[in-house]
PDB file of N, CA and C in Angstrom:
ATOM      1  N   UNK A   1      19.165  37.930 -10.457  1.00  0.00           N
ATOM      2  CA  UNK A   1      19.907  37.882 -11.701  1.00  0.00           C
ATOM      3  C   UNK A   1      18.919  37.877 -12.873  1.00  0.00           C
ATOM      4  N   UNK A   2      19.156  38.725 -13.907  1.00  0.00           N
ATOM      5  CA  UNK A   2      18.213  38.778 -15.025  1.00  0.00           C
ATOM      6  C   UNK A   2      18.212  37.487 -15.829  1.00  0.00           C
ATOM      7  N   UNK A   3      17.045  37.141 -16.334  1.00  0.00           N
ATOM      8  CA  UNK A   3      16.953  35.973 -17.211  1.00  0.00           C
ATOM      9  C   UNK A   3      17.465  36.360 -18.591  1.00  0.00           C
ATOM     10  N   UNK A   4      17.655  35.353 -19.437  1.00  0.00           N
ATOM     11  CA  UNK A   4      18.124  35.613 -20.801  1.00  0.00           C
ATOM     12  C   UNK A   4      17.169  36.540 -21.537  1.00  0.00           C
ATOM     13  N   UNK A   5      15.856  36.356 -21.355  1.00  0.00           N
ATOM     14  CA  UNK A   5      14.864  37.183 -22.045  1.00  0.00           C
ATOM     15  C   UNK A   5      14.962  38.648 -21.610  1.00  0.00           C
ATOM     16  N   UNK A   6      15.367  38.909 -20.375  1.00  0.00           N
ATOM     17  CA  UNK A   6      15.445  40.275 -19.875  1.00  0.00           C
ATOM     18  C   UNK A   6      16.685  41.000 -20.370  1.00  0.00           C
ATOM     19  N   UNK A   7      17.752  40.291 -20.671  1.00  0.00           N
ATOM     20  CA  UNK A   7      18.978  40.988 -21.042  1.00  0.00           C
ATOM     21  C   UNK A   7      19.252  40.967 -22.546  1.00  0.00           C
ATOM     22  N   UNK A   8      18.648  40.042 -23.283  1.00  0.00           N
ATOM     23  CA  UNK A   8      18.829  39.992 -24.732  1.00  0.00           C
ATOM     24  C   UNK A   8      17.829  40.936 -25.395  1.00  0.00           C
ATOM     25  N   UNK A   9      18.264  41.584 -26.461  1.00  0.00           N
ATOM     26  CA  UNK A   9      17.394  42.513 -27.167  1.00  0.00           C
ATOM     27  C   UNK A   9      17.243  42.085 -28.618  1.00  0.00           C
ATOM     28  N   UNK A  10      16.036  42.194 -29.126  1.00  0.00           N
ATOM     29  CA  UNK A  10      15.757  41.959 -30.536  1.00  0.00           C
ATOM     30  C   UNK A  10      15.132  43.238 -31.065  1.00  0.00           C
ATOM     31  N   UNK A  11      15.656  43.722 -32.181  1.00  0.00           N
ATOM     32  CA  UNK A  11      15.186  44.977 -32.749  1.00  0.00           C
ATOM     33  C   UNK A  11      14.563  44.759 -34.115  1.00  0.00           C
ATOM     34  N   UNK A  12      13.557  45.520 -34.403  1.00  0.00           N
ATOM     35  CA  UNK A  12      13.001  45.650 -35.748  1.00  0.00           C
ATOM     36  C   UNK A  12      13.606  46.926 -36.315  1.00  0.00           C
ATOM     37  N   UNK A  13      13.965  46.916 -37.601  1.00  0.00           N
ATOM     38  CA  UNK A  13      14.575  48.091 -38.216  1.00  0.00           C
ATOM     39  C   UNK A  13      13.612  48.679 -39.235  1.00  0.00           C
ATOM     40  N   UNK A  14      13.482  49.989 -39.188  1.00  0.00           N
ATOM     41  CA  UNK A  14      12.568  50.717 -40.043  1.00  0.00           C
ATOM     42  C   UNK A  14      13.322  51.863 -40.707  1.00  0.00           C
ATOM     43  N   UNK A  15      13.088  52.090 -41.987  1.00  0.00           N
ATOM     44  CA  UNK A  15      13.682  53.232 -42.672  1.00  0.00           C
ATOM     45  C   UNK A  15      12.693  54.392 -42.664  1.00  0.00           C
ATOM     46  N   UNK A  16      13.180  55.577 -42.326  1.00  0.00           N
ATOM     47  CA  UNK A  16      12.383  56.804 -42.320  1.00  0.00           C
ATOM     48  C   UNK A  16      13.106  57.852 -43.150  1.00  0.00           C
ATOM     49  N   UNK A  17      12.359  58.761 -43.744  1.00  0.00           N
ATOM     50  CA  UNK A  17      12.946  59.899 -44.430  1.00  0.00           C
ATOM     51  C   UNK A  17      12.323  61.155 -43.834  1.00  0.00           C
ATOM     52  N   UNK A  18      13.179  62.029 -43.294  1.00  0.00           N
ATOM     53  CA  UNK A  18      12.717  63.298 -42.740  1.00  0.00           C
ATOM     54  C   UNK A  18      13.207  64.446 -43.600  1.00  0.00           C
ATOM     55  N   UNK A  19      12.450  65.530 -43.608  1.00  0.00           N
ATOM     56  CA  UNK A  19      12.883  66.698 -44.372  1.00  0.00           C
ATOM     57  C   UNK A  19      12.687  67.962 -43.552  1.00  0.00           C
ATOM     58  N   UNK A  20      13.420  68.996 -43.933  1.00  0.00           N
ATOM     59  CA  UNK A  20      13.339  70.282 -43.241  1.00  0.00           C
ATOM     60  C   UNK A  20      13.909  71.367 -44.132  1.00  0.00           C
ATOM     61  N   UNK A  21      13.384  72.553 -44.006  1.00  0.00           N
ATOM     62  CA  UNK A  21      13.959  73.715 -44.675  1.00  0.00           C
ATOM     63  C   UNK A  21      15.082  74.322 -43.841  1.00  0.00           C
ATOM     64  N   UNK A  22      15.185  73.926 -42.555  1.00  0.00           N
ATOM     65  CA  UNK A  22      16.148  74.533 -41.627  1.00  0.00           C
ATOM     66  C   UNK A  22      17.520  73.875 -41.617  1.00  0.00           C
ATOM     67  N   UNK A  23      17.540  72.537 -41.371  1.00  0.00           N
ATOM     68  CA  UNK A  23      18.827  71.872 -41.159  1.00  0.00           C
ATOM     69  C   UNK A  23      18.682  70.358 -41.231  1.00  0.00           C
ATOM     70  N   UNK A  24      19.830  69.697 -41.298  1.00  0.00           N
ATOM     71  CA  UNK A  24      19.868  68.245 -41.245  1.00  0.00           C
ATOM     72  C   UNK A  24      19.342  67.756 -39.901  1.00  0.00           C
ATOM     73  N   UNK A  25      19.780  68.403 -38.822  1.00  0.00           N
ATOM     74  CA  UNK A  25      19.333  68.010 -37.485  1.00  0.00           C
ATOM     75  C   UNK A  25      17.817  68.131 -37.348  1.00  0.00           C
ATOM     76  N   UNK A  26      17.245  69.187 -37.912  1.00  0.00           N
ATOM     77  CA  UNK A  26      15.811  69.378 -37.854  1.00  0.00           C
ATOM     78  C   UNK A  26      15.086  68.302 -38.662  1.00  0.00           C
ATOM     79  N   UNK A  27      15.658  67.894 -39.775  1.00  0.00           N
ATOM     80  CA  UNK A  27      15.075  66.819 -40.574  1.00  0.00           C
ATOM     81  C   UNK A  27      15.049  65.513 -39.781  1.00  0.00           C
ATOM     82  N   UNK A  28      16.113  65.241 -39.027  1.00  0.00           N
ATOM     83  CA  UNK A  28      16.164  64.053 -38.163  1.00  0.00           C
ATOM     84  C   UNK A  28      15.080  64.142 -37.098  1.00  0.00           C
ATOM     85  N   UNK A  29      14.998  65.280 -36.428  1.00  0.00           N
ATOM     86  CA  UNK A  29      13.994  65.470 -35.368  1.00  0.00           C
ATOM     87  C   UNK A  29      12.580  65.316 -35.917  1.00  0.00           C
ATOM     88  N   UNK A  30      12.325  65.854 -37.110  1.00  0.00           N
ATOM     89  CA  UNK A  30      10.995  65.742 -37.714  1.00  0.00           C
ATOM     90  C   UNK A  30      10.619  64.288 -37.960  1.00  0.00           C
ATOM     91  N   UNK A  31      11.552  63.507 -38.478  1.00  0.00           N
ATOM     92  CA  UNK A  31      11.278  62.095 -38.744  1.00  0.00           C
ATOM     93  C   UNK A  31      11.015  61.324 -37.459  1.00  0.00           C
ATOM     94  N   UNK A  32      11.850  61.525 -36.455  1.00  0.00           N
ATOM     95  CA  UNK A  32      11.694  60.809 -35.182  1.00  0.00           C
ATOM     96  C   UNK A  32      10.402  61.219 -34.478  1.00  0.00           C
ATOM     97  N   UNK A  33      10.112  62.516 -34.445  1.00  0.00           N
ATOM     98  CA  UNK A  33       8.903  63.003 -33.763  1.00  0.00           C
ATOM     99  C   UNK A  33       7.643  62.446 -34.415  1.00  0.00           C
ATOM    100  N   UNK A  34       7.624  62.414 -35.725  1.00  0.00           N
ATOM    101  CA  UNK A  34       6.441  61.897 -36.415  1.00  0.00           C
ATOM    102  C   UNK A  34       6.297  60.395 -36.194  1.00  0.00           C
ATOM    103  N   UNK A  35       7.384  59.651 -36.284  1.00  0.00           N
ATOM    104  CA  UNK A  35       7.333  58.203 -36.076  1.00  0.00           C
ATOM    105  C   UNK A  35       6.932  57.860 -34.645  1.00  0.00           C
ATOM    106  N   UNK A  36       7.337  58.685 -33.684  1.00  0.00           N
ATOM    107  CA  UNK A  36       7.027  58.425 -32.272  1.00  0.00           C
ATOM    108  C   UNK A  36       5.526  58.462 -31.991  1.00  0.00           C
ATOM    109  N   UNK A  37       4.746  59.052 -32.894  1.00  0.00           N
ATOM    110  CA  UNK A  37       3.292  59.081 -32.704  1.00  0.00           C
ATOM    111  C   UNK A  37       2.671  57.705 -32.879  1.00  0.00           C
ATOM    112  N   UNK A  38       3.319  56.820 -33.644  1.00  0.00           N
ATOM    113  CA  UNK A  38       2.733  55.499 -33.893  1.00  0.00           C
ATOM    114  C   UNK A  38       3.667  54.333 -33.575  1.00  0.00           C
ATOM    115  N   UNK A  39       4.940  54.594 -33.356  1.00  0.00           N
ATOM    116  CA  UNK A  39       5.893  53.518 -33.087  1.00  0.00           C
ATOM    117  C   UNK A  39       6.438  53.669 -31.677  1.00  0.00           C
ATOM    118  N   UNK A  40       6.291  52.611 -30.888  1.00  0.00           N
ATOM    119  CA  UNK A  40       6.787  52.630 -29.512  1.00  0.00           C
ATOM    120  C   UNK A  40       8.157  51.975 -29.437  1.00  0.00           C
ATOM    121  N   UNK A  41       8.858  52.287 -28.387  1.00  0.00           N
ATOM    122  CA  UNK A  41      10.126  51.628 -28.045  1.00  0.00           C
ATOM    123  C   UNK A  41      11.240  51.844 -29.063  1.00  0.00           C
ATOM    124  N   UNK A  42      11.271  53.022 -29.716  1.00  0.00           N
ATOM    125  CA  UNK A  42      12.418  53.331 -30.575  1.00  0.00           C
ATOM    126  C   UNK A  42      13.634  53.513 -29.679  1.00  0.00           C
ATOM    127  N   UNK A  43      14.763  52.917 -30.073  1.00  0.00           N
ATOM    128  CA  UNK A  43      15.948  52.920 -29.220  1.00  0.00           C
ATOM    129  C   UNK A  43      17.163  53.585 -29.841  1.00  0.00           C
ATOM    130  N   UNK A  44      17.294  53.562 -31.164  1.00  0.00           N
ATOM    131  CA  UNK A  44      18.479  54.134 -31.788  1.00  0.00           C
ATOM    132  C   UNK A  44      18.173  54.509 -33.231  1.00  0.00           C
ATOM    133  N   UNK A  45      19.031  55.351 -33.792  1.00  0.00           N
ATOM    134  CA  UNK A  45      18.921  55.652 -35.219  1.00  0.00           C
ATOM    135  C   UNK A  45      20.303  55.786 -35.818  1.00  0.00           C
ATOM    136  N   UNK A  46      20.352  55.608 -37.128  1.00  0.00           N
ATOM    137  CA  UNK A  46      21.581  55.739 -37.896  1.00  0.00           C
ATOM    138  C   UNK A  46      21.236  56.538 -39.149  1.00  0.00           C
ATOM    139  N   UNK A  47      21.995  57.572 -39.446  1.00  0.00           N
ATOM    140  CA  UNK A  47      21.797  58.325 -40.676  1.00  0.00           C
ATOM    141  C   UNK A  47      22.473  57.550 -41.800  1.00  0.00           C
ATOM    142  N   UNK A  48      21.692  57.162 -42.808  1.00  0.00           N
ATOM    143  CA  UNK A  48      22.248  56.365 -43.896  1.00  0.00           C
ATOM    144  C   UNK A  48      22.393  57.152 -45.198  1.00  0.00           C
ATOM    145  N   UNK A  49      21.684  58.275 -45.293  1.00  0.00           N
ATOM    146  CA  UNK A  49      21.819  59.100 -46.488  1.00  0.00           C
ATOM    147  C   UNK A  49      21.367  60.523 -46.182  1.00  0.00           C
ATOM    148  N   UNK A  50      22.078  61.471 -46.753  1.00  0.00           N
ATOM    149  CA  UNK A  50      21.725  62.883 -46.620  1.00  0.00           C
ATOM    150  C   UNK A  50      21.667  63.489 -48.011  1.00  0.00           C
ATOM    151  N   UNK A  51      20.573  64.183 -48.278  1.00  0.00           N
ATOM    152  CA  UNK A  51      20.385  64.828 -49.576  1.00  0.00           C
ATOM    153  C   UNK A  51      19.884  66.251 -49.350  1.00  0.00           C
ATOM    154  N   UNK A  52      19.883  67.015 -50.414  1.00  0.00           N
ATOM    155  CA  UNK A  52      19.330  68.353 -50.333  1.00  0.00           C
ATOM    156  C   UNK A  52      18.810  68.812 -51.676  1.00  0.00           C
ATOM    157  N   UNK A  53      18.018  69.843 -51.616  1.00  0.00           N
ATOM    158  CA  UNK A  53      17.448  70.447 -52.821  1.00  0.00           C
ATOM    159  C   UNK A  53      18.005  71.860 -52.937  1.00  0.00           C
ATOM    160  N   UNK A  54      18.532  72.184 -54.099  1.00  0.00           N
ATOM    161  CA  UNK A  54      19.112  73.503 -54.354  1.00  0.00           C
ATOM    162  C   UNK A  54      18.191  74.271 -55.298  1.00  0.00           C
ATOM    163  N   UNK A  55      17.953  75.522 -54.945  1.00  0.00           N
ATOM    164  CA  UNK A  55      17.140  76.381 -55.794  1.00  0.00           C
ATOM    165  C   UNK A  55      17.793  77.759 -55.884  1.00  0.00           C
ATOM    166  N   UNK A  56      18.057  78.213 -57.091  1.00  0.00           N
ATOM    167  CA  UNK A  56      18.692  79.520 -57.315  1.00  0.00           C
ATOM    168  C   UNK A  56      19.981  79.692 -56.512  1.00  0.00           C
ATOM    169  N   UNK A  57      20.777  78.628 -56.449  1.00  0.00           N
ATOM    170  CA  UNK A  57      22.068  78.705 -55.795  1.00  0.00           C
ATOM    171  C   UNK A  57      22.050  78.631 -54.279  1.00  0.00           C
ATOM    172  N   UNK A  58      20.892  78.338 -53.678  1.00  0.00           N
ATOM    173  CA  UNK A  58      20.827  78.197 -52.218  1.00  0.00           C
ATOM    174  C   UNK A  58      20.133  76.888 -51.848  1.00  0.00           C
ATOM    175  N   UNK A  59      20.447  76.386 -50.677  1.00  0.00           N
ATOM    176  CA  UNK A  59      19.824  75.159 -50.175  1.00  0.00           C
ATOM    177  C   UNK A  59      18.395  75.483 -49.753  1.00  0.00           C
ATOM    178  N   UNK A  60      17.438  74.754 -50.301  1.00  0.00           N
ATOM    179  CA  UNK A  60      16.020  74.968 -49.993  1.00  0.00           C
ATOM    180  C   UNK A  60      15.465  73.917 -49.039  1.00  0.00           C
ATOM    181  N   UNK A  61      15.945  72.684 -49.154  1.00  0.00           N
ATOM    182  CA  UNK A  61      15.457  71.595 -48.305  1.00  0.00           C
ATOM    183  C   UNK A  61      16.598  70.643 -47.989  1.00  0.00           C
ATOM    184  N   UNK A  62      16.558  70.097 -46.781  1.00  0.00           N
ATOM    185  CA  UNK A  62      17.446  69.011 -46.376  1.00  0.00           C
ATOM    186  C   UNK A  62      16.572  67.766 -46.265  1.00  0.00           C
ATOM    187  N   UNK A  63      17.098  66.635 -46.703  1.00  0.00           N
ATOM    188  CA  UNK A  63      16.376  65.377 -46.596  1.00  0.00           C
ATOM    189  C   UNK A  63      17.346  64.321 -46.073  1.00  0.00           C
ATOM    190  N   UNK A  64      16.921  63.607 -45.034  1.00  0.00           N
ATOM    191  CA  UNK A  64      17.785  62.633 -44.371  1.00  0.00           C
ATOM    192  C   UNK A  64      17.056  61.293 -44.286  1.00  0.00           C
ATOM    193  N   UNK A  65      17.729  60.227 -44.719  1.00  0.00           N
ATOM    194  CA  UNK A  65      17.195  58.881 -44.558  1.00  0.00           C
ATOM    195  C   UNK A  65      17.813  58.276 -43.305  1.00  0.00           C
ATOM    196  N   UNK A  66      16.945  57.789 -42.417  1.00  0.00           N
ATOM    197  CA  UNK A  66      17.368  57.209 -41.145  1.00  0.00           C
ATOM    198  C   UNK A  66      17.001  55.730 -41.115  1.00  0.00           C
ATOM    199  N   UNK A  67      17.822  54.960 -40.467  1.00  0.00           N
ATOM    200  CA  UNK A  67      17.488  53.583 -40.109  1.00  0.00           C
ATOM    201  C   UNK A  67      17.245  53.620 -38.609  1.00  0.00           C
ATOM    202  N   UNK A  68      16.030  53.262 -38.200  1.00  0.00           N
ATOM    203  CA  UNK A  68      15.623  53.358 -36.795  1.00  0.00           C
ATOM    204  C   UNK A  68      15.391  51.955 -36.248  1.00  0.00           C
ATOM    205  N   UNK A  69      15.940  51.688 -35.070  1.00  0.00           N
ATOM    206  CA  UNK A  69      15.734  50.397 -34.422  1.00  0.00           C
ATOM    207  C   UNK A  69      14.776  50.543 -33.251  1.00  0.00           C
ATOM    208  N   UNK A  70      13.832  49.623 -33.156  1.00  0.00           N
ATOM    209  CA  UNK A  70      12.930  49.610 -32.001  1.00  0.00           C
ATOM    210  C   UNK A  70      12.751  48.185 -31.524  1.00  0.00           C
ATOM    211  N   UNK A  71      12.519  48.057 -30.228  1.00  0.00           N
ATOM    212  CA  UNK A  71      12.371  46.717 -29.661  1.00  0.00           C
ATOM    213  C   UNK A  71      10.986  46.173 -29.941  1.00  0.00           C
ATOM    214  N   UNK A  72      10.912  44.874 -30.136  1.00  0.00           N
ATOM    215  CA  UNK A  72       9.640  44.211 -30.392  1.00  0.00           C
ATOM    216  C   UNK A  72       8.933  43.957 -29.069  1.00  0.00           C
ATOM    217  N   UNK A  73       7.618  44.119 -29.086  1.00  0.00           N
ATOM    218  CA  UNK A  73       6.832  43.831 -27.896  1.00  0.00           C
ATOM    219  C   UNK A  73       6.639  42.328 -27.759  1.00  0.00           C
ATOM    220  N   UNK A  74       6.570  41.886 -26.538  1.00  0.00           N
ATOM    221  CA  UNK A  74       6.390  40.438 -26.294  1.00  0.00           C
ATOM    222  C   UNK A  74       4.924  40.088 -26.269  1.00  0.00           C
TER     223      UNK A  74
END
């Protein structure tokens, strides 16, 4: 049977901003991929804001703010 420490989770929350010229999804992937180079144990994300840049009547950039949860190391 798991102990309390094994089944309870504590998360640290970090805000990230990703951008892309392609899509919102690509902006999310860019943020997560870059953060994964230095942050271990990321478990979930939540999109908290979506923005874009318009130039000459077309979308030029997508920008997404994410709240990312990762488990703390013991």
